[in-house]
Amino acid sequence: MASRDQVKASHILIKHQGSRRKASWKDPEGKIIMTTTREAAVEQLKSIREDIVSGKATFEDVAARVSDCSSAKRGGDLGPFGRGQMQLKPFEEATYALKVGDISEIVDTDSGVHIIKRTA
């Protein structure tokens, strides 16, 4: 459980040509990532977010299938973290700005584009 000064979140990451590391657990050689534009990644994530918000899909199921982060194996769950613990400042700021249960708009970082669900 997250302590008072920590948050808990899950996320879905889509990597693209501009991502700092162009490989992932589902694309170890980066062949798909290297051909995915940032714009295409954003459009894919917008569509995913719409499906989740409308109830057509669950965040955890989609994360497990499409997220480029290894947290996909846990339905996108990153566990609890506090301020200053995330490498990605925009990600941390977006997570703290959410209320529990909320899903962010697109968050852009060096890793790629994300949507974040605050879980605690």
N, C-alpha and C. Protein backbone atom coordinates (compact mmCIF):
# COMPACT_ATOMS: atom_id res chain seq x y z
N MET A 1 0.84 -1.19 0.00
CA MET A 1 0.00 0.00 0.00
C MET A 1 0.87 1.24 0.00
N ALA A 2 0.48 2.23 -0.71
CA ALA A 2 1.24 3.48 -0.78
C ALA A 2 1.08 4.26 0.53
N SER A 3 2.17 4.84 1.01
CA SER A 3 2.09 5.67 2.20
C SER A 3 1.51 7.03 1.81
N ARG A 4 1.29 7.90 2.80
CA ARG A 4 0.64 9.19 2.55
C ARG A 4 1.32 10.04 1.48
N ASP A 5 2.63 10.00 1.43
CA ASP A 5 3.35 10.85 0.47
C ASP A 5 3.69 10.10 -0.82
N GLN A 6 3.15 8.91 -0.98
CA GLN A 6 3.39 8.15 -2.20
C GLN A 6 2.10 8.01 -3.00
N VAL A 7 2.28 7.71 -4.27
CA VAL A 7 1.15 7.38 -5.14
C VAL A 7 1.41 5.99 -5.69
N LYS A 8 0.37 5.40 -6.24
CA LYS A 8 0.51 4.11 -6.91
C LYS A 8 -0.15 4.28 -8.27
N ALA A 9 0.49 3.77 -9.29
CA ALA A 9 -0.05 3.98 -10.64
C ALA A 9 0.26 2.80 -11.55
N SER A 10 -0.54 2.72 -12.59
CA SER A 10 -0.30 1.80 -13.70
C SER A 10 -0.19 2.66 -14.95
N HIS A 11 0.48 2.13 -15.96
CA HIS A 11 0.57 2.91 -17.20
C HIS A 11 0.64 2.01 -18.41
N ILE A 12 0.38 2.62 -19.54
CA ILE A 12 0.56 1.98 -20.84
C ILE A 12 1.54 2.86 -21.60
N LEU A 13 2.63 2.27 -22.04
CA LEU A 13 3.68 2.97 -22.78
C LEU A 13 3.70 2.49 -24.21
N ILE A 14 3.71 3.45 -25.13
CA ILE A 14 3.93 3.14 -26.54
C ILE A 14 5.22 3.85 -26.94
N LYS A 15 6.21 3.08 -27.33
CA LYS A 15 7.49 3.65 -27.77
C LYS A 15 7.41 4.02 -29.25
N HIS A 16 8.28 4.93 -29.66
CA HIS A 16 8.30 5.39 -31.05
C HIS A 16 9.73 5.75 -31.45
N GLN A 17 9.90 6.21 -32.68
CA GLN A 17 11.23 6.53 -33.22
C GLN A 17 12.03 7.46 -32.33
N GLY A 18 11.38 8.36 -31.63
CA GLY A 18 12.06 9.33 -30.79
C GLY A 18 12.33 8.85 -29.37
N SER A 19 11.92 7.63 -29.06
CA SER A 19 12.13 7.10 -27.71
C SER A 19 13.62 6.90 -27.45
N ARG A 20 14.00 7.13 -26.23
CA ARG A 20 15.42 7.02 -25.86
C ARG A 20 15.94 5.60 -26.07
N ARG A 21 15.19 4.61 -25.70
CA ARG A 21 15.61 3.21 -25.89
C ARG A 21 14.64 2.56 -26.87
N LYS A 22 15.13 2.15 -28.00
CA LYS A 22 14.27 1.66 -29.08
C LYS A 22 14.13 0.14 -29.08
N ALA A 23 13.85 -0.40 -27.92
CA ALA A 23 13.57 -1.83 -27.78
C ALA A 23 12.66 -2.00 -26.59
N SER A 24 11.95 -3.11 -26.57
CA SER A 24 11.07 -3.41 -25.44
C SER A 24 10.93 -4.92 -25.31
N TRP A 25 10.24 -5.34 -24.27
CA TRP A 25 10.04 -6.77 -24.06
C TRP A 25 9.29 -7.41 -25.22
N LYS A 26 8.41 -6.65 -25.87
CA LYS A 26 7.64 -7.23 -26.98
C LYS A 26 8.24 -6.93 -28.35
N ASP A 27 9.24 -6.08 -28.39
CA ASP A 27 9.94 -5.74 -29.63
C ASP A 27 11.44 -5.62 -29.32
N PRO A 28 12.07 -6.75 -28.97
CA PRO A 28 13.46 -6.73 -28.49
C PRO A 28 14.47 -6.11 -29.45
N GLU A 29 14.21 -6.22 -30.74
CA GLU A 29 15.14 -5.64 -31.72
C GLU A 29 14.71 -4.23 -32.14
N GLY A 30 13.57 -3.80 -31.68
CA GLY A 30 13.11 -2.45 -31.97
C GLY A 30 12.62 -2.22 -33.38
N LYS A 31 12.31 -3.28 -34.10
CA LYS A 31 11.91 -3.12 -35.51
C LYS A 31 10.61 -2.33 -35.66
N ILE A 32 9.64 -2.60 -34.80
CA ILE A 32 8.37 -1.88 -34.87
C ILE A 32 8.55 -0.47 -34.31
N ILE A 33 9.24 -0.37 -33.19
CA ILE A 33 9.45 0.93 -32.54
C ILE A 33 10.14 1.90 -33.50
N MET A 34 11.16 1.43 -34.20
CA MET A 34 11.93 2.31 -35.09
C MET A 34 11.13 2.81 -36.29
N THR A 35 10.00 2.13 -36.59
CA THR A 35 9.18 2.58 -37.72
C THR A 35 7.90 3.29 -37.26
N THR A 36 7.70 3.39 -35.96
CA THR A 36 6.51 4.05 -35.41
C THR A 36 6.81 5.53 -35.15
N THR A 37 6.06 6.39 -35.78
CA THR A 37 6.25 7.82 -35.54
C THR A 37 5.61 8.19 -34.20
N ARG A 38 6.02 9.31 -33.65
CA ARG A 38 5.42 9.79 -32.41
C ARG A 38 3.93 10.00 -32.62
N GLU A 39 3.57 10.58 -33.77
CA GLU A 39 2.17 10.86 -34.08
C GLU A 39 1.35 9.58 -34.12
N ALA A 40 1.89 8.52 -34.72
CA ALA A 40 1.18 7.24 -34.78
C ALA A 40 1.02 6.65 -33.38
N ALA A 41 2.05 6.77 -32.55
CA ALA A 41 1.97 6.28 -31.17
C ALA A 41 0.90 7.02 -30.39
N VAL A 42 0.85 8.34 -30.57
CA VAL A 42 -0.16 9.16 -29.88
C VAL A 42 -1.56 8.75 -30.33
N GLU A 43 -1.76 8.58 -31.63
CA GLU A 43 -3.08 8.18 -32.14
C GLU A 43 -3.49 6.81 -31.60
N GLN A 44 -2.55 5.88 -31.55
CA GLN A 44 -2.83 4.55 -31.01
C GLN A 44 -3.25 4.67 -29.54
N LEU A 45 -2.54 5.46 -28.79
CA LEU A 45 -2.82 5.62 -27.37
C LEU A 45 -4.15 6.36 -27.13
N LYS A 46 -4.47 7.33 -27.98
CA LYS A 46 -5.76 8.02 -27.86
C LYS A 46 -6.91 7.03 -28.06
N SER A 47 -6.77 6.16 -29.04
CA SER A 47 -7.80 5.16 -29.32
C SER A 47 -7.92 4.18 -28.15
N ILE A 48 -6.79 3.77 -27.61
CA ILE A 48 -6.78 2.86 -26.46
C ILE A 48 -7.47 3.53 -25.27
N ARG A 49 -7.14 4.79 -25.02
CA ARG A 49 -7.73 5.50 -23.89
C ARG A 49 -9.25 5.60 -24.05
N GLU A 50 -9.68 5.89 -25.26
CA GLU A 50 -11.12 5.98 -25.55
C GLU A 50 -11.82 4.66 -25.25
N ASP A 51 -11.22 3.54 -25.66
CA ASP A 51 -11.79 2.22 -25.40
C ASP A 51 -11.88 1.94 -23.90
N ILE A 52 -10.87 2.36 -23.15
CA ILE A 52 -10.87 2.13 -21.70
C ILE A 52 -11.92 3.00 -21.02
N VAL A 53 -11.94 4.28 -21.34
CA VAL A 53 -12.88 5.21 -20.72
C VAL A 53 -14.33 4.84 -21.04
N SER A 54 -14.56 4.34 -22.25
CA SER A 54 -15.92 3.97 -22.65
C SER A 54 -16.35 2.61 -22.10
N GLY A 55 -15.42 1.87 -21.51
CA GLY A 55 -15.75 0.57 -20.95
C GLY A 55 -15.60 -0.59 -21.90
N LYS A 56 -15.13 -0.34 -23.12
CA LYS A 56 -14.93 -1.42 -24.10
C LYS A 56 -13.75 -2.33 -23.72
N ALA A 57 -12.84 -1.79 -22.92
CA ALA A 57 -11.65 -2.55 -22.52
C ALA A 57 -11.25 -2.13 -21.11
N THR A 58 -10.48 -2.99 -20.45
CA THR A 58 -9.96 -2.60 -19.13
C THR A 58 -8.51 -2.16 -19.27
N PHE A 59 -8.12 -1.24 -18.43
CA PHE A 59 -6.76 -0.71 -18.46
C PHE A 59 -5.75 -1.85 -18.34
N GLU A 60 -5.97 -2.73 -17.37
CA GLU A 60 -5.02 -3.81 -17.09
C GLU A 60 -4.87 -4.77 -18.27
N ASP A 61 -5.99 -5.13 -18.90
CA ASP A 61 -5.92 -6.05 -20.04
C ASP A 61 -5.18 -5.43 -21.22
N VAL A 62 -5.47 -4.16 -21.49
CA VAL A 62 -4.80 -3.49 -22.60
C VAL A 62 -3.31 -3.33 -22.30
N ALA A 63 -2.99 -2.94 -21.08
CA ALA A 63 -1.57 -2.79 -20.70
C ALA A 63 -0.82 -4.09 -20.91
N ALA A 64 -1.42 -5.19 -20.50
CA ALA A 64 -0.77 -6.50 -20.62
C ALA A 64 -0.50 -6.87 -22.08
N ARG A 65 -1.36 -6.40 -22.98
CA ARG A 65 -1.22 -6.74 -24.40
C ARG A 65 -0.34 -5.79 -25.18
N VAL A 66 -0.44 -4.47 -24.92
CA VAL A 66 0.19 -3.52 -25.83
C VAL A 66 1.31 -2.66 -25.25
N SER A 67 1.42 -2.58 -23.93
CA SER A 67 2.42 -1.67 -23.37
C SER A 67 3.83 -2.16 -23.67
N ASP A 68 4.70 -1.20 -24.01
CA ASP A 68 6.10 -1.52 -24.27
C ASP A 68 6.93 -1.60 -22.98
N CYS A 69 6.32 -1.32 -21.84
CA CYS A 69 7.02 -1.39 -20.56
C CYS A 69 6.92 -2.82 -20.00
N SER A 70 7.95 -3.25 -19.31
CA SER A 70 7.92 -4.59 -18.71
C SER A 70 6.84 -4.70 -17.63
N SER A 71 6.31 -3.57 -17.16
CA SER A 71 5.21 -3.61 -16.19
C SER A 71 3.94 -4.20 -16.82
N ALA A 72 3.95 -4.38 -18.13
CA ALA A 72 2.81 -5.00 -18.82
C ALA A 72 2.50 -6.36 -18.20
N LYS A 73 3.51 -7.05 -17.73
CA LYS A 73 3.32 -8.37 -17.12
C LYS A 73 2.49 -8.28 -15.85
N ARG A 74 2.36 -7.08 -15.30
CA ARG A 74 1.55 -6.84 -14.09
C ARG A 74 0.36 -5.94 -14.42
N GLY A 75 -0.08 -5.96 -15.66
CA GLY A 75 -1.21 -5.12 -16.07
C GLY A 75 -0.87 -3.64 -16.04
N GLY A 76 0.44 -3.34 -16.16
CA GLY A 76 0.89 -1.95 -16.17
C GLY A 76 1.24 -1.39 -14.80
N ASP A 77 1.05 -2.20 -13.76
CA ASP A 77 1.26 -1.74 -12.38
C ASP A 77 2.72 -1.42 -12.10
N LEU A 78 2.96 -0.17 -11.69
CA LEU A 78 4.31 0.27 -11.33
C LEU A 78 4.54 0.21 -9.83
N GLY A 79 3.50 -0.05 -9.07
CA GLY A 79 3.62 -0.07 -7.62
C GLY A 79 3.71 1.35 -7.06
N PRO A 80 3.92 1.47 -5.75
CA PRO A 80 3.97 2.79 -5.13
C PRO A 80 5.31 3.49 -5.38
N PHE A 81 5.24 4.82 -5.47
CA PHE A 81 6.47 5.61 -5.57
C PHE A 81 6.21 7.00 -5.02
N GLY A 82 7.29 7.63 -4.59
CA GLY A 82 7.20 8.97 -4.03
C GLY A 82 7.81 10.00 -4.97
N ARG A 83 7.70 11.24 -4.57
CA ARG A 83 8.28 12.33 -5.36
C ARG A 83 9.79 12.14 -5.49
N GLY A 84 10.29 12.35 -6.70
CA GLY A 84 11.72 12.23 -6.95
C GLY A 84 12.19 10.82 -7.24
N GLN A 85 11.30 9.84 -7.19
CA GLN A 85 11.70 8.45 -7.43
C GLN A 85 11.59 8.04 -8.90
N MET A 86 10.81 8.77 -9.67
CA MET A 86 10.66 8.43 -11.08
C MET A 86 11.71 9.16 -11.90
N GLN A 87 12.30 8.47 -12.85
CA GLN A 87 13.27 9.08 -13.76
C GLN A 87 12.62 10.17 -14.60
N LEU A 88 11.35 9.99 -14.87
CA LEU A 88 10.65 10.85 -15.82
C LEU A 88 9.77 11.86 -15.09
N LYS A 89 10.25 13.08 -14.99
CA LYS A 89 9.54 14.14 -14.26
C LYS A 89 8.11 14.37 -14.78
N PRO A 90 7.89 14.47 -16.10
CA PRO A 90 6.52 14.68 -16.58
C PRO A 90 5.57 13.55 -16.15
N PHE A 91 6.09 12.34 -16.09
CA PHE A 91 5.30 11.18 -15.67
C PHE A 91 4.90 11.34 -14.20
N GLU A 92 5.88 11.66 -13.37
CA GLU A 92 5.63 11.85 -11.94
C GLU A 92 4.61 12.97 -11.70
N GLU A 93 4.82 14.10 -12.36
CA GLU A 93 3.91 15.24 -12.19
C GLU A 93 2.49 14.90 -12.62
N ALA A 94 2.35 14.19 -13.73
CA ALA A 94 1.02 13.80 -14.21
C ALA A 94 0.34 12.85 -13.23
N THR A 95 1.10 11.93 -12.67
CA THR A 95 0.53 10.96 -11.73
C THR A 95 0.03 11.66 -10.47
N TYR A 96 0.83 12.55 -9.91
CA TYR A 96 0.42 13.27 -8.71
C TYR A 96 -0.78 14.19 -8.97
N ALA A 97 -0.95 14.65 -10.19
CA ALA A 97 -2.07 15.53 -10.52
C ALA A 97 -3.40 14.78 -10.64
N LEU A 98 -3.34 13.46 -10.82
CA LEU A 98 -4.55 12.65 -10.97
C LEU A 98 -5.18 12.34 -9.61
N LYS A 99 -6.49 12.13 -9.62
CA LYS A 99 -7.18 11.58 -8.46
C LYS A 99 -7.17 10.07 -8.62
N VAL A 100 -7.29 9.35 -7.52
CA VAL A 100 -7.33 7.89 -7.58
C VAL A 100 -8.47 7.46 -8.50
N GLY A 101 -8.14 6.58 -9.44
CA GLY A 101 -9.11 6.08 -10.41
C GLY A 101 -9.11 6.82 -11.73
N ASP A 102 -8.51 8.02 -11.75
CA ASP A 102 -8.46 8.81 -12.98
C ASP A 102 -7.42 8.26 -13.96
N ILE A 103 -7.67 8.52 -15.23
CA ILE A 103 -6.74 8.16 -16.30
C ILE A 103 -6.30 9.44 -16.99
N SER A 104 -5.00 9.58 -17.14
CA SER A 104 -4.44 10.81 -17.72
C SER A 104 -4.73 10.91 -19.21
N GLU A 105 -4.52 12.11 -19.71
CA GLU A 105 -4.42 12.31 -21.15
C GLU A 105 -3.02 11.79 -21.53
N ILE A 106 -2.59 12.00 -22.75
CA ILE A 106 -1.28 11.55 -23.21
C ILE A 106 -0.17 12.28 -22.44
N VAL A 107 0.79 11.52 -21.94
CA VAL A 107 1.96 12.09 -21.26
C VAL A 107 3.18 11.71 -22.09
N ASP A 108 3.93 12.73 -22.50
CA ASP A 108 5.08 12.57 -23.38
C ASP A 108 6.36 12.59 -22.56
N THR A 109 7.20 11.55 -22.70
CA THR A 109 8.49 11.51 -22.00
C THR A 109 9.56 11.00 -22.96
N ASP A 110 10.80 10.96 -22.48
CA ASP A 110 11.90 10.41 -23.28
C ASP A 110 11.69 8.94 -23.61
N SER A 111 10.89 8.24 -22.82
CA SER A 111 10.65 6.82 -23.06
C SER A 111 9.62 6.57 -24.15
N GLY A 112 8.73 7.52 -24.36
CA GLY A 112 7.66 7.36 -25.33
C GLY A 112 6.44 8.11 -24.86
N VAL A 113 5.27 7.65 -25.28
CA VAL A 113 4.02 8.27 -24.84
C VAL A 113 3.27 7.30 -23.94
N HIS A 114 2.61 7.86 -22.93
CA HIS A 114 1.96 7.04 -21.91
C HIS A 114 0.54 7.53 -21.66
N ILE A 115 -0.28 6.64 -21.14
CA ILE A 115 -1.44 7.04 -20.37
C ILE A 115 -1.24 6.39 -19.01
N ILE A 116 -1.67 7.11 -17.98
CA ILE A 116 -1.42 6.70 -16.60
C ILE A 116 -2.76 6.58 -15.88
N LYS A 117 -2.89 5.54 -15.09
CA LYS A 117 -4.05 5.38 -14.22
C LYS A 117 -3.53 5.41 -12.79
N ARG A 118 -4.01 6.38 -12.02
CA ARG A 118 -3.62 6.43 -10.61
C ARG A 118 -4.48 5.44 -9.83
N THR A 119 -3.83 4.56 -9.09
CA THR A 119 -4.56 3.50 -8.39
C THR A 119 -4.55 3.68 -6.88
N ALA A 120 -3.71 4.55 -6.34
CA ALA A 120 -3.72 4.84 -4.89
C ALA A 120 -2.99 6.16 -4.66
